[in-house]
PDB file of N, CA and C in Angstrom:
ATOM      1  N   MET A   1     -51.095 -18.555-141.531  1.00  0.00           N
ATOM      2  CA  MET A   1     -51.019 -19.979-141.717  1.00  0.00           C
ATOM      3  C   MET A   1     -51.225 -20.257-143.201  1.00  0.00           C
ATOM      4  N   GLN A   2     -50.406 -21.108-143.776  1.00  0.00           N
ATOM      5  CA  GLN A   2     -50.557 -21.492-145.182  1.00  0.00           C
ATOM      6  C   GLN A   2     -50.868 -22.974-145.240  1.00  0.00           C
ATOM      7  N   ILE A   3     -51.782 -23.334-146.124  1.00  0.00           N
ATOM      8  CA  ILE A   3     -52.217 -24.723-146.233  1.00  0.00           C
ATOM      9  C   ILE A   3     -52.483 -25.038-147.699  1.00  0.00           C
ATOM     10  N   GLY A   4     -52.240 -26.277-148.081  1.00  0.00           N
ATOM     11  CA  GLY A   4     -52.495 -26.711-149.451  1.00  0.00           C
ATOM     12  C   GLY A   4     -53.984 -26.882-149.714  1.00  0.00           C
ATOM     13  N   ILE A   5     -54.342 -26.884-150.982  1.00  0.00           N
ATOM     14  CA  ILE A   5     -55.759 -26.972-151.365  1.00  0.00           C
ATOM     15  C   ILE A   5     -56.402 -28.246-150.837  1.00  0.00           C
ATOM     16  N   ARG A   6     -55.747 -29.379-151.004  1.00  0.00           N
ATOM     17  CA  ARG A   6     -56.328 -30.654-150.565  1.00  0.00           C
ATOM     18  C   ARG A   6     -56.551 -30.647-149.056  1.00  0.00           C
ATOM     19  N   ASP A   7     -55.549 -30.204-148.308  1.00  0.00           N
ATOM     20  CA  ASP A   7     -55.697 -30.137-146.852  1.00  0.00           C
ATOM     21  C   ASP A   7     -56.779 -29.132-146.460  1.00  0.00           C
ATOM     22  N   ALA A   8     -56.857 -28.031-147.184  1.00  0.00           N
ATOM     23  CA  ALA A   8     -57.885 -27.026-146.888  1.00  0.00           C
ATOM     24  C   ALA A   8     -59.274 -27.616-147.078  1.00  0.00           C
ATOM     25  N   ARG A   9     -59.443 -28.381-148.144  1.00  0.00           N
ATOM     26  CA  ARG A   9     -60.741 -29.013-148.395  1.00  0.00           C
ATOM     27  C   ARG A   9     -61.101 -29.955-147.248  1.00  0.00           C
ATOM     28  N   ASN A  10     -60.139 -30.710-146.777  1.00  0.00           N
ATOM     29  CA  ASN A  10     -60.398 -31.687-145.719  1.00  0.00           C
ATOM     30  C   ASN A  10     -60.574 -31.049-144.344  1.00  0.00           C
ATOM     31  N   ARG A  11     -60.032 -29.848-144.160  1.00  0.00           N
ATOM     32  CA  ARG A  11     -60.073 -29.193-142.846  1.00  0.00           C
ATOM     33  C   ARG A  11     -60.823 -27.864-142.876  1.00  0.00           C
ATOM     34  N   LEU A  12     -61.746 -27.712-143.813  1.00  0.00           N
ATOM     35  CA  LEU A  12     -62.409 -26.423-144.009  1.00  0.00           C
ATOM     36  C   LEU A  12     -63.065 -25.895-142.733  1.00  0.00           C
ATOM     37  N   SER A  13     -63.762 -26.734-142.007  1.00  0.00           N
ATOM     38  CA  SER A  13     -64.421 -26.274-140.774  1.00  0.00           C
ATOM     39  C   SER A  13     -63.410 -25.705-139.783  1.00  0.00           C
ATOM     40  N   GLN A  14     -62.284 -26.379-139.622  1.00  0.00           N
ATOM     41  CA  GLN A  14     -61.242 -25.898-138.707  1.00  0.00           C
ATOM     42  C   GLN A  14     -60.664 -24.572-139.198  1.00  0.00           C
ATOM     43  N   LEU A  15     -60.476 -24.452-140.509  1.00  0.00           N
ATOM     44  CA  LEU A  15     -59.905 -23.225-141.062  1.00  0.00           C
ATOM     45  C   LEU A  15     -60.858 -22.048-140.891  1.00  0.00           C
ATOM     46  N   ILE A  16     -62.143 -22.306-141.043  1.00  0.00           N
ATOM     47  CA  ILE A  16     -63.133 -21.241-140.841  1.00  0.00           C
ATOM     48  C   ILE A  16     -63.111 -20.783-139.389  1.00  0.00           C
ATOM     49  N   LYS A  17     -63.035 -21.721-138.467  1.00  0.00           N
ATOM     50  CA  LYS A  17     -62.955 -21.347-137.048  1.00  0.00           C
ATOM     51  C   LYS A  17     -61.699 -20.527-136.772  1.00  0.00           C
ATOM     52  N   ALA A  18     -60.597 -20.905-137.398  1.00  0.00           N
ATOM     53  CA  ALA A  18     -59.353 -20.154-137.213  1.00  0.00           C
ATOM     54  C   ALA A  18     -59.503 -18.737-137.755  1.00  0.00           C
ATOM     55  N   ALA A  19     -60.134 -18.601-138.912  1.00  0.00           N
ATOM     56  CA  ALA A  19     -60.346 -17.269-139.495  1.00  0.00           C
ATOM     57  C   ALA A  19     -61.249 -16.435-138.596  1.00  0.00           C
ATOM     58  N   GLN A  20     -62.294 -17.052-138.052  1.00  0.00           N
ATOM     59  CA  GLN A  20     -63.188 -16.331-137.146  1.00  0.00           C
ATOM     60  C   GLN A  20     -62.440 -15.856-135.906  1.00  0.00           C
ATOM     61  N   ALA A  21     -61.429 -16.608-135.502  1.00  0.00           N
ATOM     62  CA  ALA A  21     -60.644 -16.243-134.321  1.00  0.00           C
ATOM     63  C   ALA A  21     -59.597 -15.177-134.638  1.00  0.00           C
ATOM     64  N   GLY A  22     -59.497 -14.804-135.917  1.00  0.00           N
ATOM     65  CA  GLY A  22     -58.575 -13.735-136.283  1.00  0.00           C
ATOM     66  C   GLY A  22     -57.371 -14.170-137.097  1.00  0.00           C
ATOM     67  N   ALA A  23     -57.217 -15.466-137.299  1.00  0.00           N
ATOM     68  CA  ALA A  23     -56.080 -15.949-138.088  1.00  0.00           C
ATOM     69  C   ALA A  23     -56.327 -15.697-139.573  1.00  0.00           C
ATOM     70  N   GLU A  24     -55.254 -15.465-140.287  1.00  0.00           N
ATOM     71  CA  GLU A  24     -55.348 -15.340-141.738  1.00  0.00           C
ATOM     72  C   GLU A  24     -54.865 -16.658-142.327  1.00  0.00           C
ATOM     73  N   VAL A  25     -55.720 -17.304-143.101  1.00  0.00           N
ATOM     74  CA  VAL A  25     -55.398 -18.594-143.685  1.00  0.00           C
ATOM     75  C   VAL A  25     -55.123 -18.383-145.168  1.00  0.00           C
ATOM     76  N   VAL A  26     -53.935 -18.762-145.602  1.00  0.00           N
ATOM     77  CA  VAL A  26     -53.564 -18.650-147.012  1.00  0.00           C
ATOM     78  C   VAL A  26     -53.623 -20.047-147.611  1.00  0.00           C
ATOM     79  N   ILE A  27     -54.374 -20.172-148.696  1.00  0.00           N
ATOM     80  CA  ILE A  27     -54.494 -21.453-149.380  1.00  0.00           C
ATOM     81  C   ILE A  27     -53.541 -21.429-150.572  1.00  0.00           C
ATOM     82  N   ALA A  28     -52.720 -22.473-150.657  1.00  0.00           N
ATOM     83  CA  ALA A  28     -51.685 -22.514-151.689  1.00  0.00           C
ATOM     84  C   ALA A  28     -51.900 -23.688-152.634  1.00  0.00           C
ATOM     85  N   LYS A  29     -51.473 -23.476-153.862  1.00  0.00           N
ATOM     86  CA  LYS A  29     -51.477 -24.538-154.862  1.00  0.00           C
ATOM     87  C   LYS A  29     -50.024 -24.735-155.272  1.00  0.00           C
ATOM     88  N   ARG A  30     -49.507 -25.912-154.967  1.00  0.00           N
ATOM     89  CA  ARG A  30     -48.092 -26.205-155.234  1.00  0.00           C
ATOM     90  C   ARG A  30     -47.173 -25.170-154.585  1.00  0.00           C
ATOM     91  N   ASP A  31     -47.458 -24.888-153.338  1.00  0.00           N
ATOM     92  CA  ASP A  31     -46.671 -23.946-152.516  1.00  0.00           C
ATOM     93  C   ASP A  31     -46.725 -22.500-152.990  1.00  0.00           C
ATOM     94  N   ARG A  32     -47.662 -22.162-153.865  1.00  0.00           N
ATOM     95  CA  ARG A  32     -47.832 -20.767-154.300  1.00  0.00           C
ATOM     96  C   ARG A  32     -49.178 -20.272-153.786  1.00  0.00           C
ATOM     97  N   PRO A  33     -49.202 -19.214-152.996  1.00  0.00           N
ATOM     98  CA  PRO A  33     -50.469 -18.694-152.467  1.00  0.00           C
ATOM     99  C   PRO A  33     -51.430 -18.326-153.599  1.00  0.00           C
ATOM    100  N   VAL A  34     -52.684 -18.789-153.469  1.00  0.00           N
ATOM    101  CA  VAL A  34     -53.696 -18.487-154.485  1.00  0.00           C
ATOM    102  C   VAL A  34     -54.963 -17.872-153.889  1.00  0.00           C
ATOM    103  N   ALA A  35     -55.167 -18.031-152.593  1.00  0.00           N
ATOM    104  CA  ALA A  35     -56.383 -17.494-151.966  1.00  0.00           C
ATOM    105  C   ALA A  35     -56.108 -17.228-150.497  1.00  0.00           C
ATOM    106  N   ARG A  36     -56.943 -16.364-149.938  1.00  0.00           N
ATOM    107  CA  ARG A  36     -56.809 -16.013-148.532  1.00  0.00           C
ATOM    108  C   ARG A  36     -58.183 -16.150-147.884  1.00  0.00           C
ATOM    109  N   LEU A  37     -58.233 -16.786-146.729  1.00  0.00           N
ATOM    110  CA  LEU A  37     -59.470 -16.954-145.976  1.00  0.00           C
ATOM    111  C   LEU A  37     -59.372 -16.075-144.738  1.00  0.00           C
ATOM    112  N   VAL A  38     -60.245 -15.078-144.664  1.00  0.00           N
ATOM    113  CA  VAL A  38     -60.270 -14.172-143.514  1.00  0.00           C
ATOM    114  C   VAL A  38     -61.712 -14.018-143.051  1.00  0.00           C
ATOM    115  N   ALA A  39     -61.878 -13.619-141.816  1.00  0.00           N
ATOM    116  CA  ALA A  39     -63.216 -13.427-141.264  1.00  0.00           C
ATOM    117  C   ALA A  39     -63.878 -12.202-141.891  1.00  0.00           C
ATOM    118  N   VAL A  40     -65.183 -12.273-142.031  1.00  0.00           N
ATOM    119  CA  VAL A  40     -65.972 -11.142-142.508  1.00  0.00           C
ATOM    120  C   VAL A  40     -66.237 -10.229-141.326  1.00  0.00           C
ATOM    121  N   GLU A  41     -66.072  -8.937-141.541  1.00  0.00           N
ATOM    122  CA  GLU A  41     -66.342  -7.989-140.462  1.00  0.00           C
ATOM    123  C   GLU A  41     -67.845  -7.759-140.366  1.00  0.00           C
ATOM    124  N   VAL A  42     -68.404  -8.076-139.228  1.00  0.00           N
ATOM    125  CA  VAL A  42     -69.833  -7.909-138.993  1.00  0.00           C
ATOM    126  C   VAL A  42     -70.057  -6.521-138.402  1.00  0.00           C
ATOM    127  N   PRO A  43     -70.983  -5.745-138.984  1.00  0.00           N
ATOM    128  CA  PRO A  43     -71.224  -4.409-138.437  1.00  0.00           C
ATOM    129  C   PRO A  43     -71.778  -4.482-137.016  1.00  0.00           C
ATOM    130  N   GLU A  44     -71.466  -3.470-136.256  1.00  0.00           N
ATOM    131  CA  GLU A  44     -71.954  -3.408-134.885  1.00  0.00           C
ATOM    132  C   GLU A  44     -73.465  -3.224-134.884  1.00  0.00           C
ATOM    133  N   ILE A  45     -74.120  -3.782-133.876  1.00  0.00           N
ATOM    134  CA  ILE A  45     -75.569  -3.670-133.779  1.00  0.00           C
ATOM    135  C   ILE A  45     -75.988  -2.222-133.568  1.00  0.00           C
ATOM    136  N   GLY A  46     -75.205  -1.448-132.835  1.00  0.00           N
ATOM    137  CA  GLY A  46     -75.538  -0.061-132.553  1.00  0.00           C
ATOM    138  C   GLY A  46     -75.374   0.858-133.746  1.00  0.00           C
ATOM    139  N   ARG A  47     -74.932   0.337-134.848  1.00  0.00           N
ATOM    140  CA  ARG A  47     -74.659   1.136-136.031  1.00  0.00           C
ATOM    141  C   ARG A  47     -75.914   1.850-136.534  1.00  0.00           C
ATOM    142  N   GLY A  48     -77.059   1.217-136.466  1.00  0.00           N
ATOM    143  CA  GLY A  48     -78.304   1.836-136.916  1.00  0.00           C
ATOM    144  C   GLY A  48     -78.625   3.090-136.117  1.00  0.00           C
ATOM    145  N   ARG A  49     -78.392   3.034-134.827  1.00  0.00           N
ATOM    146  CA  ARG A  49     -78.646   4.203-133.980  1.00  0.00           C
ATOM    147  C   ARG A  49     -77.713   5.344-134.367  1.00  0.00           C
ATOM    148  N   GLN A  50     -76.461   5.026-134.675  1.00  0.00           N
ATOM    149  CA  GLN A  50     -75.511   6.055-135.097  1.00  0.00           C
ATOM    150  C   GLN A  50     -75.978   6.717-136.387  1.00  0.00           C
ATOM    151  N   LEU A  51     -76.501   5.928-137.297  1.00  0.00           N
ATOM    152  CA  LEU A  51     -76.997   6.476-138.558  1.00  0.00           C
ATOM    153  C   LEU A  51     -78.182   7.402-138.311  1.00  0.00           C
ATOM    154  N   LEU A  52     -79.101   6.995-137.454  1.00  0.00           N
ATOM    155  CA  LEU A  52     -80.250   7.844-137.144  1.00  0.00           C
ATOM    156  C   LEU A  52     -79.808   9.144-136.479  1.00  0.00           C
ATOM    157  N   ASP A  53     -78.850   9.054-135.575  1.00  0.00           N
ATOM    158  CA  ASP A  53     -78.327  10.268-134.932  1.00  0.00           C
ATOM    159  C   ASP A  53     -77.707  11.204-135.962  1.00  0.00           C
ATOM    160  N   TRP A  54     -76.973  10.643-136.924  1.00  0.00           N
ATOM    161  CA  TRP A  54     -76.350  11.471-137.960  1.00  0.00           C
ATOM    162  C   TRP A  54     -77.416  12.143-138.818  1.00  0.00           C
ATOM    163  N   LEU A  55     -78.446  11.395-139.180  1.00  0.00           N
ATOM    164  CA  LEU A  55     -79.515  11.966-140.001  1.00  0.00           C
ATOM    165  C   LEU A  55     -80.242  13.089-139.266  1.00  0.00           C
ATOM    166  N   GLU A  56     -80.427  12.935-137.964  1.00  0.00           N
ATOM    167  CA  GLU A  56     -81.061  14.002-137.191  1.00  0.00           C
ATOM    168  C   GLU A  56     -80.163  15.232-137.124  1.00  0.00           C
ATOM    169  N   ALA A  57     -78.865  15.035-137.040  1.00  0.00           N
ATOM    170  CA  ALA A  57     -77.925  16.156-136.971  1.00  0.00           C
ATOM    171  C   ALA A  57     -77.704  16.810-138.334  1.00  0.00           C
ATOM    172  N   HIS A  58     -78.020  16.097-139.410  1.00  0.00           N
ATOM    173  CA  HIS A  58     -77.821  16.605-140.773  1.00  0.00           C
ATOM    174  C   HIS A  58     -79.129  16.465-141.561  1.00  0.00           C
ATOM    175  N   PRO A  59     -80.131  17.265-141.244  1.00  0.00           N
ATOM    176  CA  PRO A  59     -81.426  17.126-141.924  1.00  0.00           C
ATOM    177  C   PRO A  59     -81.321  17.500-143.404  1.00  0.00           C
ATOM    178  N   LEU A  60     -82.311  17.057-144.157  1.00  0.00           N
ATOM    179  CA  LEU A  60     -82.374  17.402-145.579  1.00  0.00           C
ATOM    180  C   LEU A  60     -82.512  18.907-145.753  1.00  0.00           C
ATOM    181  N   PRO A  61     -81.965  19.443-146.824  1.00  0.00           N
ATOM    182  CA  PRO A  61     -82.173  20.865-147.115  1.00  0.00           C
ATOM    183  C   PRO A  61     -83.663  21.151-147.307  1.00  0.00           C
ATOM    184  N   ALA A  62     -84.058  22.388-147.049  1.00  0.00           N
ATOM    185  CA  ALA A  62     -85.479  22.764-147.094  1.00  0.00           C
ATOM    186  C   ALA A  62     -86.118  22.425-148.432  1.00  0.00           C
ATOM    187  N   HIS A  63     -85.429  22.672-149.538  1.00  0.00           N
ATOM    188  CA  HIS A  63     -86.049  22.411-150.840  1.00  0.00           C
ATOM    189  C   HIS A  63     -86.317  20.923-151.062  1.00  0.00           C
ATOM    190  N   LEU A  64     -85.540  20.056-150.453  1.00  0.00           N
ATOM    191  CA  LEU A  64     -85.805  18.625-150.565  1.00  0.00           C
ATOM    192  C   LEU A  64     -86.933  18.199-149.638  1.00  0.00           C
ATOM    193  N   ARG A  65     -87.005  18.797-148.453  1.00  0.00           N
ATOM    194  CA  ARG A  65     -88.116  18.488-147.547  1.00  0.00           C
ATOM    195  C   ARG A  65     -89.429  18.916-148.177  1.00  0.00           C
ATOM    196  N   ASP A  66     -89.442  20.083-148.827  1.00  0.00           N
ATOM    197  CA  ASP A  66     -90.661  20.561-149.475  1.00  0.00           C
ATOM    198  C   ASP A  66     -91.104  19.598-150.563  1.00  0.00           C
ATOM    199  N   GLN A  67     -90.166  19.071-151.324  1.00  0.00           N
ATOM    200  CA  GLN A  67     -90.521  18.130-152.381  1.00  0.00           C
ATOM    201  C   GLN A  67     -91.171  16.896-151.785  1.00  0.00           C
ATOM    202  N   HIS A  68     -90.606  16.406-150.694  1.00  0.00           N
ATOM    203  CA  HIS A  68     -91.175  15.232-150.045  1.00  0.00           C
ATOM    204  C   HIS A  68     -92.610  15.514-149.603  1.00  0.00           C
ATOM    205  N   GLU A  69     -92.819  16.657-148.966  1.00  0.00           N
ATOM    206  CA  GLU A  69     -94.160  16.995-148.481  1.00  0.00           C
ATOM    207  C   GLU A  69     -95.134  17.149-149.647  1.00  0.00           C
ATOM    208  N   ARG A  70     -94.685  17.752-150.735  1.00  0.00           N
ATOM    209  CA  ARG A  70     -95.548  17.940-151.894  1.00  0.00           C
ATOM    210  C   ARG A  70     -95.911  16.583-152.519  1.00  0.00           C
ATOM    211  N   ILE A  71     -94.938  15.720-152.648  1.00  0.00           N
ATOM    212  CA  ILE A  71     -95.196  14.391-153.213  1.00  0.00           C
ATOM    213  C   ILE A  71     -96.116  13.598-152.300  1.00  0.00           C
ATOM    214  N   GLU A  72     -95.837  13.628-151.011  1.00  0.00           N
ATOM    215  CA  GLU A  72     -96.680  12.905-150.053  1.00  0.00           C
ATOM    216  C   GLU A  72     -98.106  13.436-150.088  1.00  0.00           C
ATOM    217  N   GLY A  73     -98.255  14.756-150.188  1.00  0.00           N
ATOM    218  CA  GLY A  73     -99.595  15.348-150.283  1.00  0.00           C
ATOM    219  C   GLY A  73    -100.326  14.884-151.530  1.00  0.00           C
ATOM    220  N   GLY A  74     -99.622  14.796-152.651  1.00  0.00           N
ATOM    221  CA  GLY A  74    -100.229  14.309-153.889  1.00  0.00           C
ATOM    222  C   GLY A  74    -100.665  12.859-153.774  1.00  0.00           C
ATOM    223  N   ILE A  75     -99.851  12.045-153.135  1.00  0.00           N
ATOM    224  CA  ILE A  75    -100.205  10.633-152.943  1.00  0.00           C
ATOM    225  C   ILE A  75    -101.445  10.519-152.072  1.00  0.00           C
ATOM    226  N   GLN A  76    -101.487  11.277-150.985  1.00  0.00           N
ATOM    227  CA  GLN A  76    -102.648  11.237-150.092  1.00  0.00           C
ATOM    228  C   GLN A  76    -103.910  11.697-150.811  1.00  0.00           C
ATOM    229  N   ALA A  77    -103.795  12.729-151.652  1.00  0.00           N
ATOM    230  CA  ALA A  77    -104.955  13.222-152.400  1.00  0.00           C
ATOM    231  C   ALA A  77    -105.465  12.154-153.363  1.00  0.00           C
ATOM    232  N   GLU A  78    -104.559  11.452-154.038  1.00  0.00           N
ATOM    233  CA  GLU A  78    -104.980  10.393-154.956  1.00  0.00           C
ATOM    234  C   GLU A  78    -105.634   9.245-154.200  1.00  0.00           C
ATOM    235  N   ARG A  79    -105.084   8.880-153.061  1.00  0.00           N
ATOM    236  CA  ARG A  79    -105.678   7.799-152.269  1.00  0.00           C
ATOM    237  C   ARG A  79    -107.068   8.188-151.783  1.00  0.00           C
ATOM    238  N   ALA A  80    -107.225   9.444-151.378  1.00  0.00           N
ATOM    239  CA  ALA A  80    -108.536   9.909-150.913  1.00  0.00           C
ATOM    240  C   ALA A  80    -109.547   9.854-152.055  1.00  0.00           C
ATOM    241  N   ALA A  81    -109.109  10.123-153.278  1.00  0.00           N
ATOM    242  CA  ALA A  81    -110.015  10.083-154.428  1.00  0.00           C
ATOM    243  C   ALA A  81    -110.476   8.664-154.724  1.00  0.00           C
ATOM    244  N   TRP A  82    -109.707   7.666-154.352  1.00  0.00           N
ATOM    245  CA  TRP A  82    -110.092   6.281-154.603  1.00  0.00           C
ATOM    246  C   TRP A  82    -111.247   5.859-153.709  1.00  0.00           C
ATOM    247  N   ASP A  83    -111.335   6.473-152.541  1.00  0.00           N
ATOM    248  CA  ASP A  83    -112.396   6.101-151.598  1.00  0.00           C
ATOM    249  C   ASP A  83    -113.655   6.711-152.083  1.00  0.00           C
TER     250      ASP A  83
END
Protein backbone atom coordinates (compact mmCIF):
# COMPACT_ATOMS: atom_id res chain seq x y z
CA MET A 1 0.00 0.00 0.00
CA GLN A 2 1.37 3.45 -0.87
CA ILE A 3 0.17 6.60 0.84
CA GLY A 4 1.16 10.26 0.78
CA ILE A 5 2.86 11.93 3.73
CA ARG A 6 -0.13 14.09 4.67
CA ASP A 7 -2.53 11.14 4.57
CA ALA A 8 -0.03 9.02 6.50
CA ARG A 9 0.14 11.64 9.23
CA ASN A 10 -3.64 11.73 9.49
CA ARG A 11 -4.04 7.94 9.42
CA LEU A 12 -0.95 6.84 11.35
CA SER A 13 -2.84 4.62 13.81
CA GLN A 14 -4.56 2.77 10.96
CA LEU A 15 -1.27 2.37 9.09
CA ILE A 16 0.44 0.94 12.17
CA LYS A 17 -2.37 -1.59 12.57
CA ALA A 18 -2.01 -2.53 8.91
CA ALA A 19 1.75 -3.01 9.33
CA GLN A 20 1.16 -5.16 12.42
CA ALA A 21 -1.20 -7.29 10.33
CA GLY A 22 1.59 -7.87 7.82
CA ALA A 23 0.97 -5.16 5.25
CA GLU A 24 3.87 -3.14 3.93
CA VAL A 25 3.05 0.56 3.92
CA VAL A 26 5.09 2.79 1.62
CA ILE A 27 5.01 6.49 2.38
CA ALA A 28 5.49 8.70 -0.66
CA LYS A 29 6.34 12.34 -1.20
CA ARG A 30 4.93 13.63 -4.47
CA ASP A 31 4.30 10.05 -5.63
CA ARG A 32 7.93 9.02 -4.98
CA PRO A 33 8.46 6.39 -2.25
CA VAL A 34 10.55 7.79 0.61
CA ALA A 35 9.86 5.48 3.57
CA ARG A 36 8.49 2.08 4.40
CA LEU A 37 6.45 1.15 7.47
CA VAL A 38 6.72 -2.52 8.43
CA ALA A 39 6.09 -4.45 11.62
CA VAL A 40 8.97 -5.12 13.99
CA GLU A 41 9.72 -8.79 14.43
CA VAL A 42 9.29 -9.68 18.09
CA PRO A 43 11.50 -12.53 19.29
CA GLU A 44 9.76 -15.66 20.47
CA ILE A 45 9.37 -16.04 24.22
CA GLY A 46 10.95 -19.50 24.11
CA ARG A 47 14.11 -18.04 22.64
CA GLY A 48 15.80 -17.75 26.05
CA ARG A 49 15.38 -21.47 26.66
CA GLN A 50 16.94 -22.21 23.26
CA LEU A 51 19.93 -20.07 24.18
CA LEU A 52 20.37 -21.87 27.50
CA ASP A 53 20.15 -25.24 25.76
CA TRP A 54 22.81 -24.15 23.27
CA LEU A 55 25.11 -22.95 26.05
CA GLU A 56 24.74 -26.27 27.85
CA ALA A 57 25.55 -28.15 24.63
CA HIS A 58 28.56 -25.88 23.92
CA PRO A 59 30.31 -25.29 27.27
CA LEU A 60 33.25 -22.94 27.63
CA PRO A 61 36.68 -24.42 26.95
CA ALA A 62 38.49 -25.64 30.08
CA HIS A 63 41.01 -22.79 30.10
CA LEU A 64 38.19 -20.24 30.18
CA ARG A 65 36.31 -22.09 32.92
CA ASP A 66 39.51 -22.14 34.99
CA GLN A 67 39.90 -18.39 34.59
CA HIS A 68 36.36 -17.85 35.79
CA GLU A 69 36.92 -20.05 38.84
CA ARG A 70 40.22 -18.33 39.63
CA ILE A 71 38.68 -14.87 39.34
CA GLU A 72 35.65 -15.87 41.39
CA GLY A 73 37.94 -17.34 44.05
CA GLY A 74 39.91 -14.09 44.21
CA ILE A 75 36.72 -12.06 44.59
CA GLN A 76 35.49 -14.33 47.39
CA ALA A 77 38.85 -14.07 49.17
CA GLU A 78 38.75 -10.26 49.02
CA ARG A 79 35.18 -10.18 50.29
CA ALA A 80 36.10 -12.50 53.16
CA ALA A 81 38.96 -10.14 54.08
CA TRP A 82 36.51 -7.25 54.40
CA ASP A 83 34.61 -9.06 57.14
